[in-house]
Amino acid sequence: MSEHTYKIVEVVGSSPTSIEEAIGNAVGDASKTIRNIRWFEVVETRGHIEEGRVAHYQVTLKLGFTLEA
């Protein structure tokens, strides 16, 4: 494996359906403007509650991407 240098950004994804979909939404949207995303780390998970039920999920991610030479 070759050596890599990574930059890290933090993003928040959301979904009314699931934590997994919130992660997917964050990665998908970030990949539209950030090239070479290689990994993610879930930093925080939270949600919005309405009438005693989970109405929305929010997931804060750190995304790591390789820098271009």
N, C-alpha and C. Protein backbone atom coordinates (compact mmCIF):
# COMPACT_ATOMS: atom_id res chain seq x y z
N MET A 1 0.84 -1.18 0.00
CA MET A 1 0.00 0.00 0.00
C MET A 1 0.89 1.24 0.00
N SER A 2 0.57 2.19 -0.82
CA SER A 2 1.33 3.43 -0.87
C SER A 2 0.94 4.34 0.28
N GLU A 3 1.77 5.31 0.56
CA GLU A 3 1.50 6.26 1.64
C GLU A 3 0.48 7.29 1.18
N HIS A 4 -0.36 7.72 2.12
CA HIS A 4 -1.38 8.71 1.82
C HIS A 4 -1.38 9.79 2.89
N THR A 5 -1.75 10.99 2.49
CA THR A 5 -2.02 12.07 3.43
C THR A 5 -3.50 12.40 3.28
N TYR A 6 -4.18 12.49 4.42
CA TYR A 6 -5.62 12.71 4.41
C TYR A 6 -5.97 14.08 4.98
N LYS A 7 -7.05 14.64 4.47
CA LYS A 7 -7.67 15.83 5.05
C LYS A 7 -9.00 15.36 5.61
N ILE A 8 -9.43 15.96 6.72
CA ILE A 8 -10.68 15.56 7.37
C ILE A 8 -11.64 16.75 7.38
N VAL A 9 -12.89 16.48 7.00
CA VAL A 9 -13.95 17.48 7.11
C VAL A 9 -15.09 16.86 7.92
N GLU A 10 -15.90 17.71 8.51
CA GLU A 10 -17.03 17.23 9.29
C GLU A 10 -18.32 17.65 8.59
N VAL A 11 -19.24 16.71 8.46
CA VAL A 11 -20.53 16.97 7.82
C VAL A 11 -21.64 16.34 8.67
N VAL A 12 -22.86 16.81 8.46
CA VAL A 12 -24.02 16.24 9.14
C VAL A 12 -25.02 15.78 8.10
N GLY A 13 -25.38 14.51 8.15
CA GLY A 13 -26.39 13.96 7.26
C GLY A 13 -27.69 13.77 8.03
N SER A 14 -28.80 13.80 7.32
CA SER A 14 -30.09 13.62 7.99
C SER A 14 -31.00 12.73 7.16
N SER A 15 -31.98 12.14 7.86
CA SER A 15 -32.95 11.27 7.20
C SER A 15 -34.15 11.07 8.12
N PRO A 16 -35.34 11.03 7.55
CA PRO A 16 -36.51 10.69 8.36
C PRO A 16 -36.66 9.17 8.54
N THR A 17 -35.82 8.40 7.84
CA THR A 17 -35.98 6.95 7.80
C THR A 17 -35.07 6.18 8.75
N SER A 18 -33.72 6.47 8.70
CA SER A 18 -32.79 5.67 9.49
C SER A 18 -31.44 6.37 9.64
N ILE A 19 -30.67 5.87 10.60
CA ILE A 19 -29.30 6.35 10.78
C ILE A 19 -28.46 6.00 9.56
N GLU A 20 -28.63 4.79 9.04
CA GLU A 20 -27.87 4.36 7.87
C GLU A 20 -28.14 5.25 6.67
N GLU A 21 -29.39 5.63 6.48
CA GLU A 21 -29.72 6.51 5.36
C GLU A 21 -29.13 7.91 5.58
N ALA A 22 -29.11 8.37 6.82
CA ALA A 22 -28.50 9.67 7.12
C ALA A 22 -27.01 9.66 6.78
N ILE A 23 -26.33 8.56 7.10
CA ILE A 23 -24.91 8.41 6.74
C ILE A 23 -24.76 8.42 5.23
N GLY A 24 -25.58 7.63 4.54
CA GLY A 24 -25.52 7.56 3.08
C GLY A 24 -25.79 8.90 2.42
N ASN A 25 -26.74 9.66 2.96
CA ASN A 25 -27.04 10.98 2.42
C ASN A 25 -25.86 11.92 2.59
N ALA A 26 -25.22 11.88 3.75
CA ALA A 26 -24.06 12.75 4.00
C ALA A 26 -22.92 12.42 3.06
N VAL A 27 -22.60 11.13 2.93
CA VAL A 27 -21.50 10.71 2.06
C VAL A 27 -21.83 11.01 0.61
N GLY A 28 -23.05 10.74 0.20
CA GLY A 28 -23.44 10.99 -1.19
C GLY A 28 -23.39 12.46 -1.57
N ASP A 29 -23.89 13.31 -0.69
CA ASP A 29 -23.86 14.75 -0.98
C ASP A 29 -22.43 15.28 -0.95
N ALA A 30 -21.63 14.85 0.02
CA ALA A 30 -20.24 15.33 0.10
C ALA A 30 -19.43 14.89 -1.11
N SER A 31 -19.72 13.69 -1.62
CA SER A 31 -18.94 13.19 -2.76
C SER A 31 -19.21 13.97 -4.05
N LYS A 32 -20.25 14.80 -4.05
CA LYS A 32 -20.52 15.64 -5.22
C LYS A 32 -19.51 16.78 -5.34
N THR A 33 -18.91 17.17 -4.22
CA THR A 33 -17.96 18.29 -4.25
C THR A 33 -16.57 17.95 -3.70
N ILE A 34 -16.44 16.80 -3.04
CA ILE A 34 -15.15 16.38 -2.50
C ILE A 34 -14.71 15.11 -3.21
N ARG A 35 -13.51 15.15 -3.79
CA ARG A 35 -12.97 13.97 -4.47
C ARG A 35 -12.18 13.10 -3.50
N ASN A 36 -12.04 11.85 -3.83
CA ASN A 36 -11.16 10.90 -3.13
C ASN A 36 -11.54 10.64 -1.68
N ILE A 37 -12.85 10.64 -1.37
CA ILE A 37 -13.27 10.28 -0.01
C ILE A 37 -12.94 8.81 0.20
N ARG A 38 -12.26 8.51 1.31
CA ARG A 38 -11.81 7.13 1.56
C ARG A 38 -12.46 6.49 2.79
N TRP A 39 -12.85 7.29 3.77
CA TRP A 39 -13.42 6.70 4.99
C TRP A 39 -14.30 7.70 5.71
N PHE A 40 -15.11 7.17 6.64
CA PHE A 40 -15.92 8.03 7.50
C PHE A 40 -15.88 7.50 8.92
N GLU A 41 -16.13 8.41 9.86
CA GLU A 41 -16.23 8.07 11.27
C GLU A 41 -17.48 8.76 11.82
N VAL A 42 -18.34 8.00 12.47
CA VAL A 42 -19.52 8.58 13.10
C VAL A 42 -19.08 9.23 14.41
N VAL A 43 -19.31 10.53 14.52
CA VAL A 43 -18.89 11.29 15.70
C VAL A 43 -20.05 11.47 16.68
N GLU A 44 -21.24 11.67 16.13
CA GLU A 44 -22.40 11.93 16.98
C GLU A 44 -23.67 11.47 16.27
N THR A 45 -24.58 10.94 17.04
CA THR A 45 -25.89 10.56 16.51
C THR A 45 -26.95 11.24 17.38
N ARG A 46 -27.90 11.86 16.73
CA ARG A 46 -28.98 12.50 17.46
C ARG A 46 -30.25 12.44 16.61
N GLY A 47 -31.36 12.83 17.20
CA GLY A 47 -32.61 12.79 16.45
C GLY A 47 -33.61 13.80 16.96
N HIS A 48 -34.67 13.90 16.23
CA HIS A 48 -35.77 14.81 16.54
C HIS A 48 -36.98 13.95 16.89
N ILE A 49 -37.65 14.31 17.97
CA ILE A 49 -38.80 13.54 18.44
C ILE A 49 -40.06 14.38 18.31
N GLU A 50 -41.10 13.77 17.74
CA GLU A 50 -42.42 14.41 17.64
C GLU A 50 -43.47 13.43 18.15
N GLU A 51 -44.31 13.89 19.05
CA GLU A 51 -45.40 13.09 19.59
C GLU A 51 -44.93 11.74 20.11
N GLY A 52 -43.78 11.74 20.80
CA GLY A 52 -43.28 10.52 21.41
C GLY A 52 -42.62 9.53 20.47
N ARG A 53 -42.37 9.94 19.23
CA ARG A 53 -41.75 9.04 18.25
C ARG A 53 -40.59 9.72 17.57
N VAL A 54 -39.63 8.91 17.12
CA VAL A 54 -38.50 9.44 16.37
C VAL A 54 -39.02 9.93 15.02
N ALA A 55 -38.77 11.20 14.73
CA ALA A 55 -39.25 11.79 13.48
C ALA A 55 -38.12 12.02 12.49
N HIS A 56 -36.88 12.13 12.99
CA HIS A 56 -35.78 12.48 12.11
C HIS A 56 -34.46 12.08 12.77
N TYR A 57 -33.53 11.57 11.98
CA TYR A 57 -32.21 11.20 12.47
C TYR A 57 -31.18 12.17 11.91
N GLN A 58 -30.19 12.53 12.73
CA GLN A 58 -29.06 13.34 12.28
C GLN A 58 -27.79 12.64 12.72
N VAL A 59 -26.82 12.53 11.82
CA VAL A 59 -25.56 11.87 12.13
C VAL A 59 -24.42 12.78 11.71
N THR A 60 -23.54 13.09 12.66
CA THR A 60 -22.35 13.89 12.37
C THR A 60 -21.22 12.93 12.01
N LEU A 61 -20.58 13.20 10.87
CA LEU A 61 -19.50 12.34 10.38
C LEU A 61 -18.23 13.13 10.18
N LYS A 62 -17.10 12.48 10.40
CA LYS A 62 -15.83 12.98 9.92
C LYS A 62 -15.54 12.19 8.65
N LEU A 63 -15.24 12.90 7.56
CA LEU A 63 -14.90 12.24 6.30
C LEU A 63 -13.42 12.46 6.03
N GLY A 64 -12.72 11.41 5.67
CA GLY A 64 -11.31 11.50 5.33
C GLY A 64 -11.14 11.32 3.83
N PHE A 65 -10.39 12.22 3.22
CA PHE A 65 -10.12 12.08 1.78
C PHE A 65 -8.65 12.34 1.52
N THR A 66 -8.14 11.69 0.48
CA THR A 66 -6.73 11.83 0.15
C THR A 66 -6.49 13.12 -0.60
N LEU A 67 -5.36 13.74 -0.30
CA LEU A 67 -4.98 14.96 -1.01
C LEU A 67 -4.35 14.59 -2.34
N GLU A 68 -4.61 15.40 -3.34
CA GLU A 68 -4.01 15.18 -4.65
C GLU A 68 -2.61 15.77 -4.69
N ALA A 69 -1.71 15.05 -5.30
CA ALA A 69 -0.31 15.52 -5.38
C ALA A 69 -0.15 16.62 -6.39
